Amino acid sequence: MKDFELFDFHTHSFLSDGALSPIELIRRAVAAGYRGLAITDHVGYSTLERVVEEVKRDCRLAEKHWGIRAFAGVEITHVPPQAIAEIAKGAREVGAEIVVVHGETVVEPVEEGTNLAAVECGWVDILAHPGNISPEVSRIAAANHVFLEITRRQGHCLTNGRVLKLGLEAGAGLVLNTDAHEPADLLSAELAAKVVMGAGGDEETVNAVLVENAQRLVGRLMERRGG
């Protein structure tokens, strides 16, 4: 496996339930060798605008001085499935550069239908830790260019093998994220590759997930930003 640049599209600051401020989280990622980081704090409708605005300030500061791609996003978490499209659209309207939906992980009581609502709505970039995802949802994700997440997060990672298998069968984009809440959650390149292989991937899959798909998603976010 060749060396590759590390990207993470799903992390949390203390604006939701993380341990660090947005700027310190970015600094820790820079020190760990990351080339790109999205801060995607948990939101519902009530906190959308404030969280995006505050995170974006630190992202722009970090990009100016540290040479990292830093994206201000959200993770829409534990909202009714019927409201996901409206909230995701609202997130983009207030400036979120990436929209993640908290999927139907097996370790939390996420409402059934959340996965489907996320991949159908047209405003979501990543379905995070989707748990026992169905083949149908995987196919819709592929058709609508929604990335499915392989996660290093304890508990959420229990279904990584299913997500990887069904995602590959459906032709969906797969990305590896840490769902980091503290510095120790960040990965080395070596451990990132091991997480993908532990889910059942081979070297070709590792390259697709950690290099090709990560770069494709960065390209989408930069195009959305306009540069």
C-alpha atoms as a PDB file:
ATOM      1  CA  MET A   1       0.000   0.000   0.000  1.00  0.00           C
ATOM      2  CA  LYS A   2       1.456   3.341  -1.103  1.00  0.00           C
ATOM      3  CA  ASP A   3       1.478   6.387   1.123  1.00  0.00           C
ATOM      4  CA  PHE A   4      -1.655   8.512   0.875  1.00  0.00           C
ATOM      5  CA  GLU A   5      -3.060  11.731   2.253  1.00  0.00           C
ATOM      6  CA  LEU A   6      -5.456  11.466   5.183  1.00  0.00           C
ATOM      7  CA  PHE A   7      -8.913  13.022   5.049  1.00  0.00           C
ATOM      8  CA  ASP A   8     -11.764  12.869   7.546  1.00  0.00           C
ATOM      9  CA  PHE A   9     -15.252  14.095   6.740  1.00  0.00           C
ATOM     10  CA  HIS A  10     -16.984  13.462  10.080  1.00  0.00           C
ATOM     11  CA  THR A  11     -15.657  14.908  13.353  1.00  0.00           C
ATOM     12  CA  HIS A  12     -17.029  16.772  16.373  1.00  0.00           C
ATOM     13  CA  SER A  13     -15.958  19.803  18.381  1.00  0.00           C
ATOM     14  CA  PHE A  14     -17.261  21.024  21.735  1.00  0.00           C
ATOM     15  CA  LEU A  15     -20.021  22.850  19.873  1.00  0.00           C
ATOM     16  CA  SER A  16     -21.810  19.523  20.194  1.00  0.00           C
ATOM     17  CA  ASP A  17     -20.256  16.629  22.120  1.00  0.00           C
ATOM     18  CA  GLY A  18     -16.561  16.726  21.239  1.00  0.00           C
ATOM     19  CA  ALA A  19     -13.718  17.569  23.604  1.00  0.00           C
ATOM     20  CA  LEU A  20     -11.986  20.356  21.674  1.00  0.00           C
ATOM     21  CA  SER A  21     -12.755  23.724  20.121  1.00  0.00           C
ATOM     22  CA  PRO A  22     -13.000  23.679  16.319  1.00  0.00           C
ATOM     23  CA  ILE A  23      -9.617  25.337  15.873  1.00  0.00           C
ATOM     24  CA  GLU A  24      -7.857  22.952  18.266  1.00  0.00           C
ATOM     25  CA  LEU A  25      -9.439  19.958  16.572  1.00  0.00           C
ATOM     26  CA  ILE A  26      -8.108  21.179  13.232  1.00  0.00           C
ATOM     27  CA  ARG A  27      -4.674  21.799  14.765  1.00  0.00           C
ATOM     28  CA  ARG A  28      -4.561  18.262  16.156  1.00  0.00           C
ATOM     29  CA  ALA A  29      -5.484  16.917  12.715  1.00  0.00           C
ATOM     30  CA  VAL A  30      -2.716  18.963  11.082  1.00  0.00           C
ATOM     31  CA  ALA A  31      -0.217  17.597  13.602  1.00  0.00           C
ATOM     32  CA  ALA A  32      -1.437  14.058  12.869  1.00  0.00           C
ATOM     33  CA  GLY A  33      -0.752  14.508   9.168  1.00  0.00           C
ATOM     34  CA  TYR A  34      -4.256  15.113   7.847  1.00  0.00           C
ATOM     35  CA  ARG A  35      -4.670  17.032   4.583  1.00  0.00           C
ATOM     36  CA  GLY A  36      -8.390  17.624   4.979  1.00  0.00           C
ATOM     37  CA  LEU A  37     -10.922  17.714   7.805  1.00  0.00           C
ATOM     38  CA  ALA A  38     -14.633  18.391   8.061  1.00  0.00           C
ATOM     39  CA  ILE A  39     -16.116  19.412  11.393  1.00  0.00           C
ATOM     40  CA  THR A  40     -19.677  18.143  11.448  1.00  0.00           C
ATOM     41  CA  ASP A  41     -21.197  18.828  14.828  1.00  0.00           C
ATOM     42  CA  HIS A  42     -24.558  17.336  15.755  1.00  0.00           C
ATOM     43  CA  VAL A  43     -27.454  19.614  14.866  1.00  0.00           C
ATOM     44  CA  GLY A  44     -31.208  19.805  14.663  1.00  0.00           C
ATOM     45  CA  TYR A  45     -33.159  22.715  13.274  1.00  0.00           C
ATOM     46  CA  SER A  46     -32.549  24.916  16.311  1.00  0.00           C
ATOM     47  CA  THR A  47     -28.740  24.949  16.112  1.00  0.00           C
ATOM     48  CA  LEU A  48     -28.025  24.843  12.374  1.00  0.00           C
ATOM     49  CA  GLU A  49     -27.083  28.422  11.652  1.00  0.00           C
ATOM     50  CA  ARG A  50     -25.076  29.095  14.810  1.00  0.00           C
ATOM     51  CA  VAL A  51     -22.940  25.963  14.521  1.00  0.00           C
ATOM     52  CA  VAL A  52     -22.144  26.454  10.832  1.00  0.00           C
ATOM     53  CA  GLU A  53     -21.222  30.092  11.312  1.00  0.00           C
ATOM     54  CA  GLU A  54     -18.920  29.456  14.266  1.00  0.00           C
ATOM     55  CA  VAL A  55     -17.131  26.473  12.737  1.00  0.00           C
ATOM     56  CA  LYS A  56     -16.625  28.214   9.412  1.00  0.00           C
ATOM     57  CA  ARG A  57     -14.636  31.028  11.035  1.00  0.00           C
ATOM     58  CA  ASP A  58     -12.088  28.594  12.456  1.00  0.00           C
ATOM     59  CA  CYS A  59     -11.962  26.582   9.235  1.00  0.00           C
ATOM     60  CA  ARG A  60     -11.033  29.657   7.227  1.00  0.00           C
ATOM     61  CA  LEU A  61      -8.410  30.677   9.783  1.00  0.00           C
ATOM     62  CA  ALA A  62      -6.837  27.227   9.682  1.00  0.00           C
ATOM     63  CA  GLU A  63      -6.772  27.124   5.901  1.00  0.00           C
ATOM     64  CA  LYS A  64      -5.063  30.510   5.762  1.00  0.00           C
ATOM     65  CA  HIS A  65      -2.200  29.534   8.067  1.00  0.00           C
ATOM     66  CA  TRP A  66      -1.851  25.737   8.096  1.00  0.00           C
ATOM     67  CA  GLY A  67      -2.439  24.549   4.550  1.00  0.00           C
ATOM     68  CA  ILE A  68      -5.235  22.111   5.388  1.00  0.00           C
ATOM     69  CA  ARG A  69      -8.594  21.837   3.665  1.00  0.00           C
ATOM     70  CA  ALA A  70     -11.071  22.530   6.483  1.00  0.00           C
ATOM     71  CA  PHE A  71     -14.802  22.240   5.869  1.00  0.00           C
ATOM     72  CA  ALA A  72     -17.641  23.502   8.059  1.00  0.00           C
ATOM     73  CA  GLY A  73     -20.471  21.007   8.076  1.00  0.00           C
ATOM     74  CA  VAL A  74     -23.178  19.409  10.166  1.00  0.00           C
ATOM     75  CA  GLU A  75     -24.338  15.982  11.240  1.00  0.00           C
ATOM     76  CA  ILE A  76     -28.131  15.940  11.291  1.00  0.00           C
ATOM     77  CA  THR A  77     -28.816  13.769  14.313  1.00  0.00           C
ATOM     78  CA  HIS A  78     -31.924  12.086  15.752  1.00  0.00           C
ATOM     79  CA  VAL A  79     -34.491  14.116  13.851  1.00  0.00           C
ATOM     80  CA  PRO A  80     -37.692  12.657  12.384  1.00  0.00           C
ATOM     81  CA  PRO A  81     -36.994  11.084   8.989  1.00  0.00           C
ATOM     82  CA  GLN A  82     -39.773  13.199   7.486  1.00  0.00           C
ATOM     83  CA  ALA A  83     -37.798  16.348   8.398  1.00  0.00           C
ATOM     84  CA  ILE A  84     -34.390  15.300   7.075  1.00  0.00           C
ATOM     85  CA  ALA A  85     -34.796  16.774   3.597  1.00  0.00           C
ATOM     86  CA  GLU A  86     -35.960  20.121   4.944  1.00  0.00           C
ATOM     87  CA  ILE A  87     -33.170  20.339   7.530  1.00  0.00           C
ATOM     88  CA  ALA A  88     -30.485  19.204   5.084  1.00  0.00           C
ATOM     89  CA  LYS A  89     -31.607  21.815   2.569  1.00  0.00           C
ATOM     90  CA  GLY A  90     -31.645  24.386   5.371  1.00  0.00           C
ATOM     91  CA  ALA A  91     -28.097  23.444   6.349  1.00  0.00           C
ATOM     92  CA  ARG A  92     -26.845  24.078   2.847  1.00  0.00           C
ATOM     93  CA  GLU A  93     -28.751  27.379   2.708  1.00  0.00           C
ATOM     94  CA  VAL A  94     -27.011  28.675   5.842  1.00  0.00           C
ATOM     95  CA  GLY A  95     -23.602  27.747   4.460  1.00  0.00           C
ATOM     96  CA  ALA A  96     -22.836  24.169   5.479  1.00  0.00           C
ATOM     97  CA  GLU A  97     -20.168  22.893   3.105  1.00  0.00           C
ATOM     98  CA  ILE A  98     -20.881  19.241   3.840  1.00  0.00           C
ATOM     99  CA  VAL A  99     -24.029  17.571   5.169  1.00  0.00           C
ATOM    100  CA  VAL A 100     -23.834  14.290   7.049  1.00  0.00           C
ATOM    101  CA  VAL A 101     -26.810  12.367   8.425  1.00  0.00           C
ATOM    102  CA  HIS A 102     -26.524  10.262  11.586  1.00  0.00           C
ATOM    103  CA  GLY A 103     -27.567   6.884  10.242  1.00  0.00           C
ATOM    104  CA  GLU A 104     -29.303   3.914  11.836  1.00  0.00           C
ATOM    105  CA  THR A 105     -26.403   2.660  13.938  1.00  0.00           C
ATOM    106  CA  VAL A 106     -27.214  -0.462  15.930  1.00  0.00           C
ATOM    107  CA  VAL A 107     -26.076   1.131  19.206  1.00  0.00           C
ATOM    108  CA  GLU A 108     -28.518   4.068  19.312  1.00  0.00           C
ATOM    109  CA  PRO A 109     -32.307   4.367  18.941  1.00  0.00           C
ATOM    110  CA  VAL A 110     -32.250   6.118  15.566  1.00  0.00           C
ATOM    111  CA  GLU A 111     -35.725   6.151  14.049  1.00  0.00           C
ATOM    112  CA  GLU A 112     -36.312   3.609  11.297  1.00  0.00           C
ATOM    113  CA  GLY A 113     -36.485   5.298   7.925  1.00  0.00           C
ATOM    114  CA  THR A 114     -33.611   7.689   8.630  1.00  0.00           C
ATOM    115  CA  ASN A 115     -31.235   5.934   6.209  1.00  0.00           C
ATOM    116  CA  LEU A 116     -33.744   6.004   3.364  1.00  0.00           C
ATOM    117  CA  ALA A 117     -34.703   9.639   3.973  1.00  0.00           C
ATOM    118  CA  ALA A 118     -31.047  10.653   3.922  1.00  0.00           C
ATOM    119  CA  VAL A 119     -30.138   9.004   0.628  1.00  0.00           C
ATOM    120  CA  GLU A 120     -33.338  10.040  -1.134  1.00  0.00           C
ATOM    121  CA  CYS A 121     -33.465  13.748  -0.371  1.00  0.00           C
ATOM    122  CA  GLY A 122     -30.718  15.121  -2.626  1.00  0.00           C
ATOM    123  CA  TRP A 123     -29.076  17.389  -0.029  1.00  0.00           C
ATOM    124  CA  VAL A 124     -26.913  14.874   1.849  1.00  0.00           C
ATOM    125  CA  ASP A 125     -23.261  14.029   1.168  1.00  0.00           C
ATOM    126  CA  ILE A 126     -22.623  11.198   3.642  1.00  0.00           C
ATOM    127  CA  LEU A 127     -24.816   8.683   5.420  1.00  0.00           C
ATOM    128  CA  ALA A 128     -22.826   8.023   8.594  1.00  0.00           C
ATOM    129  CA  HIS A 129     -22.669   4.652  10.350  1.00  0.00           C
ATOM    130  CA  PRO A 130     -25.835   3.308   8.673  1.00  0.00           C
ATOM    131  CA  GLY A 131     -25.969   0.115  10.727  1.00  0.00           C
ATOM    132  CA  ASN A 132     -27.740  -2.834   9.102  1.00  0.00           C
ATOM    133  CA  ILE A 133     -28.236  -0.954   5.871  1.00  0.00           C
ATOM    134  CA  SER A 134     -30.452  -2.576   3.249  1.00  0.00           C
ATOM    135  CA  PRO A 135     -29.486  -3.370  -0.345  1.00  0.00           C
ATOM    136  CA  GLU A 136     -32.210  -0.959  -1.495  1.00  0.00           C
ATOM    137  CA  VAL A 137     -30.807   1.964   0.491  1.00  0.00           C
ATOM    138  CA  SER A 138     -27.320   1.126  -0.773  1.00  0.00           C
ATOM    139  CA  ARG A 139     -28.546   1.232  -4.377  1.00  0.00           C
ATOM    140  CA  ILE A 140     -30.333   4.554  -3.852  1.00  0.00           C
ATOM    141  CA  ALA A 141     -27.218   5.987  -2.227  1.00  0.00           C
ATOM    142  CA  ALA A 142     -25.214   4.968  -5.292  1.00  0.00           C
ATOM    143  CA  ALA A 143     -27.760   6.477  -7.682  1.00  0.00           C
ATOM    144  CA  ASN A 144     -27.879   9.763  -5.751  1.00  0.00           C
ATOM    145  CA  HIS A 145     -24.114   9.993  -5.136  1.00  0.00           C
ATOM    146  CA  VAL A 146     -24.403   9.759  -1.358  1.00  0.00           C
ATOM    147  CA  PHE A 147     -21.282   8.327   0.260  1.00  0.00           C
ATOM    148  CA  LEU A 148     -21.654   5.520   2.798  1.00  0.00           C
ATOM    149  CA  GLU A 149     -19.413   5.639   5.843  1.00  0.00           C
ATOM    150  CA  ILE A 150     -16.987   3.072   7.140  1.00  0.00           C
ATOM    151  CA  THR A 151     -16.299   4.225  10.689  1.00  0.00           C
ATOM    152  CA  ARG A 152     -13.643   3.712  13.311  1.00  0.00           C
ATOM    153  CA  ARG A 153     -16.072   4.770  16.053  1.00  0.00           C
ATOM    154  CA  GLN A 154     -16.622   2.195  18.799  1.00  0.00           C
ATOM    155  CA  GLY A 155     -20.064   0.618  18.572  1.00  0.00           C
ATOM    156  CA  HIS A 156     -20.928   2.218  15.251  1.00  0.00           C
ATOM    157  CA  CYS A 157     -18.176   0.130  13.625  1.00  0.00           C
ATOM    158  CA  LEU A 158     -19.940  -3.163  14.401  1.00  0.00           C
ATOM    159  CA  THR A 159     -21.652  -3.171  11.010  1.00  0.00           C
ATOM    160  CA  ASN A 160     -18.721  -1.956   8.891  1.00  0.00           C
ATOM    161  CA  GLY A 161     -18.519  -5.313   7.125  1.00  0.00           C
ATOM    162  CA  ARG A 162     -22.134  -5.161   5.969  1.00  0.00           C
ATOM    163  CA  VAL A 163     -21.841  -1.530   4.885  1.00  0.00           C
ATOM    164  CA  LEU A 164     -18.705  -2.255   2.872  1.00  0.00           C
ATOM    165  CA  LYS A 165     -20.125  -5.384   1.247  1.00  0.00           C
ATOM    166  CA  LEU A 166     -23.460  -3.885   0.231  1.00  0.00           C
ATOM    167  CA  GLY A 167     -21.874  -0.579  -0.738  1.00  0.00           C
ATOM    168  CA  LEU A 168     -19.463  -2.295  -3.111  1.00  0.00           C
ATOM    169  CA  GLU A 169     -22.214  -4.460  -4.581  1.00  0.00           C
ATOM    170  CA  ALA A 170     -24.367  -1.393  -5.228  1.00  0.00           C
ATOM    171  CA  GLY A 171     -21.538   0.714  -6.605  1.00  0.00           C
ATOM    172  CA  ALA A 172     -21.923   3.301  -3.852  1.00  0.00           C
ATOM    173  CA  GLY A 173     -19.067   5.566  -2.810  1.00  0.00           C
ATOM    174  CA  LEU A 174     -17.497   4.534   0.483  1.00  0.00           C
ATOM    175  CA  VAL A 175     -15.383   6.762   2.726  1.00  0.00           C
ATOM    176  CA  LEU A 176     -13.627   6.123   6.010  1.00  0.00           C
ATOM    177  CA  ASN A 177     -14.289   8.594   8.829  1.00  0.00           C
ATOM    178  CA  THR A 178     -13.304   8.606  12.482  1.00  0.00           C
ATOM    179  CA  ASP A 179     -16.385  10.290  13.968  1.00  0.00           C
ATOM    180  CA  ALA A 180     -13.708  11.800  16.208  1.00  0.00           C
ATOM    181  CA  HIS A 181     -14.746  13.358  19.499  1.00  0.00           C
ATOM    182  CA  GLU A 182     -11.231  13.704  20.966  1.00  0.00           C
ATOM    183  CA  PRO A 183      -7.645  13.714  19.660  1.00  0.00           C
ATOM    184  CA  ALA A 184      -7.049  10.028  20.321  1.00  0.00           C
ATOM    185  CA  ASP A 185      -9.762   9.187  17.786  1.00  0.00           C
ATOM    186  CA  LEU A 186      -7.703  10.457  14.847  1.00  0.00           C
ATOM    187  CA  LEU A 187      -5.994   7.828  12.718  1.00  0.00           C
ATOM    188  CA  SER A 188      -2.620   7.178  11.195  1.00  0.00           C
ATOM    189  CA  ALA A 189      -2.511   6.143   7.545  1.00  0.00           C
ATOM    190  CA  GLU A 190      -1.525   2.636   8.603  1.00  0.00           C
ATOM    191  CA  LEU A 191      -4.444   2.249  10.996  1.00  0.00           C
ATOM    192  CA  ALA A 192      -6.879   3.738   8.479  1.00  0.00           C
ATOM    193  CA  ALA A 193      -5.908   1.046   5.991  1.00  0.00           C
ATOM    194  CA  LYS A 194      -6.316  -1.625   8.650  1.00  0.00           C
ATOM    195  CA  VAL A 195      -9.846  -0.439   9.464  1.00  0.00           C
ATOM    196  CA  VAL A 196     -10.907  -0.821   5.835  1.00  0.00           C
ATOM    197  CA  MET A 197      -9.243  -4.213   5.545  1.00  0.00           C
ATOM    198  CA  GLY A 198     -10.814  -5.283   8.827  1.00  0.00           C
ATOM    199  CA  ALA A 199     -14.223  -4.582   7.301  1.00  0.00           C
ATOM    200  CA  GLY A 200     -13.402  -7.013   4.505  1.00  0.00           C
ATOM    201  CA  GLY A 201     -11.630  -4.818   1.980  1.00  0.00           C
ATOM    202  CA  ASP A 202      -8.578  -5.757  -0.030  1.00  0.00           C
ATOM    203  CA  GLU A 203      -5.762  -3.454  -1.139  1.00  0.00           C
ATOM    204  CA  GLU A 204      -7.784  -2.233  -4.124  1.00  0.00           C
ATOM    205  CA  THR A 205     -10.684  -1.369  -1.826  1.00  0.00           C
ATOM    206  CA  VAL A 206      -8.367   0.438   0.563  1.00  0.00           C
ATOM    207  CA  ASN A 207      -7.134   2.584  -2.311  1.00  0.00           C
ATOM    208  CA  ALA A 208     -10.687   3.289  -3.492  1.00  0.00           C
ATOM    209  CA  VAL A 209     -11.947   4.263  -0.033  1.00  0.00           C
ATOM    210  CA  LEU A 210      -8.962   6.200   1.287  1.00  0.00           C
ATOM    211  CA  VAL A 211      -7.664   7.791  -1.905  1.00  0.00           C
ATOM    212  CA  GLU A 212     -10.056   7.836  -4.847  1.00  0.00           C
ATOM    213  CA  ASN A 213     -13.302   8.436  -2.987  1.00  0.00           C
ATOM    214  CA  ALA A 214     -11.764  10.873  -0.514  1.00  0.00           C
ATOM    215  CA  GLN A 215     -10.353  12.948  -3.346  1.00  0.00           C
ATOM    216  CA  ARG A 216     -13.649  12.771  -5.208  1.00  0.00           C
ATOM    217  CA  LEU A 217     -15.505  14.086  -2.173  1.00  0.00           C
ATOM    218  CA  VAL A 218     -12.957  16.861  -1.619  1.00  0.00           C
ATOM    219  CA  GLY A 219     -13.403  17.822  -5.254  1.00  0.00           C
ATOM    220  CA  ARG A 220     -17.156  18.043  -4.786  1.00  0.00           C
ATOM    221  CA  LEU A 221     -16.807  20.227  -1.713  1.00  0.00           C
ATOM    222  CA  MET A 222     -14.310  22.553  -3.362  1.00  0.00           C
ATOM    223  CA  GLU A 223     -16.523  22.872  -6.437  1.00  0.00           C
ATOM    224  CA  ARG A 224     -19.456  23.696  -4.175  1.00  0.00           C
ATOM    225  CA  ARG A 225     -17.346  26.350  -2.498  1.00  0.00           C
ATOM    226  CA  GLY A 226     -16.412  27.729  -5.874  1.00  0.00           C
ATOM    227  CA  GLY A 227     -12.674  27.165  -5.840  1.00  0.00           C
END
